Amino acid sequence: MVNKGKQPPRARTSPSAKSPARTAGASRSANGVGPQRRRTSPAVYRRRRLVVFGALLVVLAMLVAGVVAMSSSLAGKADPGAAKTQAVGAAPASQTPSTDPIAATTTPTATPVCDLNLVTVTASTDQPAYAAGQNPVLSMKITNGGAAPCQVNVGTSQMEFLVMSGEDRIFSSKDCQAKGDDLVKQIDPGKSEIANFPWQRNRTTEGCGVISAKPATGTYTFKAVLGNKASTKAVFQLG
C-alpha cells in the first residue's frame, strides 16, 4: 500500500560514521598537539642580519668619531706649547747663512779716516808785481786732499808767512808775534781754508828787533808754513 503525501523515512547513520576528519581533529586536540607553524624564509633571515650589521656599523662610526674629536682637542691644546718651543728654539735670522751669492761676496765699506798727510799748504800773492807804495797780500791756502773730513789747527800759533830775497831772510810773521792763537776747523774732503796776511813791505828779525832798512826793488819769494807743513815758494816783484 502506497502512502500518499509522506516521504519515506531517511536512513540514519551511526555516530561512528559521522565526519571522520572532525573526529580526527578532535582527537589531536585532546592529545595536546596544536597546528604546525610556517617556516621562516631565507630572505627574512638575510634582512635581519643586515639590520644587525647596520646597527654595529653605526656604533663603530660613533666610537671612531669620538676618538677623532678627543685627539683633535688634545692636539689643539698642545699646539701653543709646541709653537712656543719652536719659536724659542729657532735660530735668529741674522745667524742663517746667506745663500745669495751677491750678499756673500759683498763686504762692508770701511768708514774713511782722516789722513793729515793729504792736507797740503799752498802759497800765493794777490798780484805778480807791485808798484812802489803797493803792499802785497800774502795768501796761505790749506786743502784737504783726502777722502774723509779732517780737523786742522789753522790758528796763528801754527802759521808763518815768510818772505825772502834769495838767501836773505826779509820778513817773518812770527818775529813780532806776541802770542799765537789756536783755531781748529773741520776741512771736508776737497775743501780749503784760506788765510790772508797784508805785508807792509817791512823787514823783521827774530825777537822783533828794530830794523830801519826797507826792502829794495827786486824779486822776492813767499813761503807759507802751517805747523810742520810748508808750501813751495811763490815769486813776486816789488817795484
Protein backbone atom coordinates (compact mmCIF):
# COMPACT_ATOMS: atom_id res chain seq x y z
CA MET A 1 0.00 0.00 0.00
CA VAL A 2 1.24 3.33 -1.05
CA ASN A 3 1.40 6.13 1.50
CA LYS A 4 0.35 9.30 -0.18
CA GLY A 5 1.88 12.53 0.84
CA LYS A 6 4.54 11.04 3.09
CA GLN A 7 8.23 10.69 2.30
CA PRO A 8 9.94 7.54 3.12
CA PRO A 9 12.00 7.70 6.17
CA ARG A 10 15.76 8.64 5.70
CA ALA A 11 18.30 6.19 6.58
CA ARG A 12 20.14 7.08 9.78
CA THR A 13 23.83 6.78 10.04
CA SER A 14 25.59 5.56 13.04
CA PRO A 15 27.55 8.03 15.13
CA SER A 16 30.74 6.27 14.26
CA ALA A 17 30.41 7.17 10.64
CA LYS A 18 29.95 10.90 11.06
CA SER A 19 32.70 13.38 9.99
CA PRO A 20 35.83 11.32 10.07
CA ALA A 21 38.04 14.41 9.67
CA ARG A 22 36.38 16.27 12.51
CA THR A 23 36.78 13.26 14.71
CA ALA A 24 40.46 13.09 13.88
CA GLY A 25 40.92 16.78 14.60
CA ALA A 26 39.14 16.46 17.89
CA SER A 27 41.34 13.58 18.87
CA ARG A 28 44.54 15.62 18.08
CA SER A 29 43.29 18.48 20.24
CA ALA A 30 42.64 16.19 23.02
CA ASN A 31 46.20 14.84 22.80
CA GLY A 32 47.61 18.43 23.26
CA VAL A 33 49.29 18.87 19.83
CA GLY A 34 48.49 22.24 18.14
CA PRO A 35 48.58 23.23 14.50
CA GLN A 36 52.06 23.36 12.79
CA ARG A 37 53.79 26.89 12.26
CA ARG A 38 55.16 28.18 8.90
CA ARG A 39 58.96 28.04 8.48
CA THR A 40 60.77 31.46 8.20
CA SER A 41 62.10 32.12 4.70
CA PRO A 42 65.89 32.79 3.96
CA ALA A 43 65.10 36.33 2.77
CA VAL A 44 63.77 37.22 6.20
CA TYR A 45 66.97 35.89 7.80
CA ARG A 46 69.10 38.00 5.45
CA ARG A 47 67.13 41.17 6.27
CA ARG A 48 67.56 40.55 9.97
CA ARG A 49 71.31 40.08 9.55
CA LEU A 50 71.57 43.30 7.55
CA VAL A 51 69.73 45.23 10.26
CA VAL A 52 72.05 43.89 12.97
CA PHE A 53 75.16 44.59 10.84
CA GLY A 54 73.98 48.16 10.11
CA ALA A 55 73.46 48.79 13.83
CA LEU A 56 77.02 47.60 14.52
CA LEU A 57 78.39 49.94 11.82
CA VAL A 58 76.57 52.92 13.38
CA VAL A 59 78.02 52.11 16.80
CA LEU A 60 81.54 51.76 15.38
CA ALA A 61 81.22 55.06 13.48
CA MET A 62 80.15 56.84 16.67
CA LEU A 63 83.14 55.37 18.55
CA VAL A 64 85.58 56.44 15.81
CA ALA A 65 84.10 59.98 15.71
CA GLY A 66 84.52 60.28 19.47
CA VAL A 67 88.17 59.19 19.33
CA VAL A 68 88.92 61.64 16.48
CA ALA A 69 87.26 64.51 18.34
CA MET A 70 89.21 63.74 21.51
CA SER A 71 92.50 63.57 19.55
CA SER A 72 91.81 66.91 17.85
CA SER A 73 91.05 68.53 21.20
CA LEU A 74 94.29 67.24 22.71
CA ALA A 75 96.29 68.34 19.66
CA GLY A 76 94.74 71.83 19.82
CA LYS A 77 95.74 72.17 23.44
CA ALA A 78 99.29 71.00 22.70
CA ASP A 79 99.84 73.31 19.68
CA PRO A 80 100.52 76.60 21.61
CA GLY A 81 103.27 74.95 23.64
CA ALA A 82 104.79 73.40 20.54
CA ALA A 83 104.72 76.73 18.73
CA LYS A 84 106.36 78.40 21.69
CA THR A 85 109.06 75.71 21.82
CA GLN A 86 109.70 76.07 18.12
CA ALA A 87 109.87 79.87 18.37
CA VAL A 88 112.28 79.70 21.32
CA GLY A 89 114.48 77.10 19.70
CA ALA A 90 114.51 78.73 16.28
CA ALA A 91 117.78 80.30 15.19
CA PRO A 92 117.82 84.12 14.73
CA ALA A 93 117.53 85.29 11.15
CA SER A 94 120.90 87.02 11.40
CA GLN A 95 122.62 83.64 12.07
CA THR A 96 121.16 81.98 8.98
CA PRO A 97 123.85 81.56 6.31
CA SER A 98 123.16 83.65 3.25
CA THR A 99 122.58 81.78 0.01
CA ASP A 100 122.64 84.94 -2.05
CA PRO A 101 125.97 84.97 -3.96
CA ILE A 102 125.93 88.77 -4.20
CA ALA A 103 125.34 89.18 -0.47
CA ALA A 104 128.02 86.57 0.28
CA THR A 105 130.66 88.40 -1.73
CA THR A 106 129.76 91.93 -0.57
CA THR A 107 131.98 93.30 2.20
CA PRO A 108 131.03 96.25 4.38
CA THR A 109 132.54 99.56 3.29
CA ALA A 110 135.08 100.90 5.77
CA THR A 111 134.48 104.39 7.12
CA PRO A 112 137.12 106.76 5.71
CA VAL A 113 139.62 108.10 8.23
CA CYS A 114 141.34 111.47 8.01
CA ASP A 115 144.88 111.34 6.65
CA LEU A 116 146.74 114.53 7.63
CA ASN A 117 149.45 113.64 5.13
CA LEU A 118 146.94 114.55 2.42
CA VAL A 119 146.44 118.05 3.86
CA THR A 120 148.54 120.43 1.79
CA VAL A 121 149.60 124.09 2.07
CA THR A 122 149.88 126.45 -0.92
CA ALA A 123 151.38 129.99 -1.09
CA SER A 124 150.24 132.78 -3.43
CA THR A 125 150.09 136.58 -3.77
CA ASP A 126 147.19 138.69 -4.96
CA GLN A 127 149.39 140.16 -7.78
CA PRO A 128 152.55 139.02 -9.54
CA ALA A 129 154.15 142.51 -9.25
CA TYR A 130 153.68 145.64 -7.14
CA ALA A 131 154.47 149.24 -7.87
CA ALA A 132 156.14 151.47 -5.33
CA GLY A 133 153.81 152.10 -2.41
CA GLN A 134 151.65 148.99 -3.04
CA ASN A 135 151.55 146.41 -0.25
CA PRO A 136 151.33 142.73 -1.27
CA VAL A 137 148.63 140.45 0.21
CA LEU A 138 150.18 137.08 1.09
CA SER A 139 147.72 134.12 0.99
CA MET A 140 148.02 130.71 2.64
CA LYS A 141 145.66 128.01 1.32
CA ILE A 142 145.10 124.78 3.35
CA THR A 143 143.44 121.98 1.31
CA ASN A 144 142.17 118.56 2.37
CA GLY A 145 143.04 116.16 -0.43
CA GLY A 146 141.81 113.07 1.41
CA ALA A 147 138.51 111.14 1.40
CA ALA A 148 137.48 111.98 4.98
CA PRO A 149 136.94 115.24 6.90
CA CYS A 150 139.96 116.42 8.90
CA GLN A 151 140.24 118.58 12.00
CA VAL A 152 143.05 121.06 11.32
CA ASN A 153 144.52 123.76 13.56
CA VAL A 154 144.57 126.84 11.36
CA GLY A 155 145.28 129.32 14.17
CA THR A 156 148.08 131.92 14.17
CA SER A 157 150.02 129.68 16.59
CA GLN A 158 150.64 127.31 13.65
CA MET A 159 151.04 129.85 10.81
CA GLU A 160 154.08 131.60 9.46
CA PHE A 161 154.30 133.96 6.46
CA LEU A 162 157.94 134.07 5.36
CA VAL A 163 159.41 136.46 2.74
CA MET A 164 162.91 136.06 1.41
CA SER A 165 165.15 137.57 -1.24
CA GLY A 166 167.47 134.82 -2.35
CA GLU A 167 169.13 133.58 0.87
CA ASP A 168 168.31 136.84 2.71
CA ARG A 169 165.55 136.47 5.30
CA ILE A 170 163.43 139.62 4.83
CA PHE A 171 160.26 139.09 6.88
CA SER A 172 158.52 136.53 9.17
CA SER A 173 155.10 136.94 10.77
CA LYS A 174 156.42 135.13 13.88
CA ASP A 175 159.23 137.58 14.64
CA CYS A 176 156.99 140.15 16.31
CA GLN A 177 154.01 137.93 17.20
CA ALA A 178 153.30 138.33 20.89
CA LYS A 179 151.05 135.29 21.28
CA GLY A 180 149.60 132.90 18.77
CA ASP A 181 146.07 131.54 18.98
CA ASP A 182 144.73 128.06 18.18
CA LEU A 183 141.78 127.67 15.83
CA VAL A 184 140.71 124.11 14.94
CA LYS A 185 138.45 123.80 11.91
CA GLN A 186 136.99 120.85 10.07
CA ILE A 187 138.03 120.76 6.45
CA ASP A 188 135.89 118.43 4.35
CA PRO A 189 137.34 116.34 1.50
CA GLY A 190 138.28 118.56 -1.43
CA LYS A 191 137.67 121.78 0.55
CA SER A 192 140.10 124.52 1.60
CA GLU A 193 140.69 127.24 4.20
CA ILE A 194 142.46 130.48 3.17
CA ALA A 195 144.30 132.93 5.42
CA ASN A 196 145.42 136.34 4.09
CA PHE A 197 148.23 138.47 5.51
CA PRO A 198 148.81 142.07 4.25
CA TRP A 199 152.58 142.68 4.23
CA GLN A 200 153.65 146.24 4.97
CA ARG A 201 156.90 145.89 2.95
CA ASN A 202 158.94 145.98 6.17
CA ARG A 203 161.88 143.94 7.43
CA THR A 204 161.97 141.94 10.70
CA THR A 205 164.43 139.92 12.73
CA GLU A 206 163.89 137.13 15.26
CA GLY A 207 162.90 138.66 18.60
CA CYS A 208 161.33 141.65 16.79
CA GLY A 209 164.46 143.78 16.70
CA VAL A 210 164.26 147.26 15.13
CA ILE A 211 165.39 147.46 11.50
CA SER A 212 165.15 150.75 9.67
CA ALA A 213 166.11 149.42 6.22
CA LYS A 214 163.32 148.82 3.70
CA PRO A 215 163.17 146.04 1.08
CA ALA A 216 164.56 147.28 -2.21
CA THR A 217 163.12 146.89 -5.65
CA GLY A 218 163.56 143.35 -6.92
CA THR A 219 162.36 139.73 -6.90
CA TYR A 220 161.06 138.13 -3.74
CA THR A 221 159.66 134.78 -2.72
CA PHE A 222 156.90 133.94 -0.28
CA LYS A 223 156.60 130.59 1.58
CA ALA A 224 153.56 129.61 3.70
CA VAL A 225 154.13 127.36 6.74
CA LEU A 226 151.44 125.60 8.84
CA GLY A 227 152.86 123.55 11.71
CA ASN A 228 155.24 121.06 10.10
CA LYS A 229 153.87 121.63 6.58
CA ALA A 230 155.46 124.13 4.18
CA SER A 231 154.42 125.26 0.71
CA THR A 232 156.51 125.74 -2.36
CA LYS A 233 157.70 129.30 -2.97
CA ALA A 234 155.54 131.89 -4.73
CA VAL A 235 157.55 134.51 -6.67
CA PHE A 236 156.56 138.20 -6.95
CA GLN A 237 158.14 141.52 -7.87
CA LEU A 238 158.48 144.75 -5.88
CA GLY A 239 158.76 148.00 -7.80
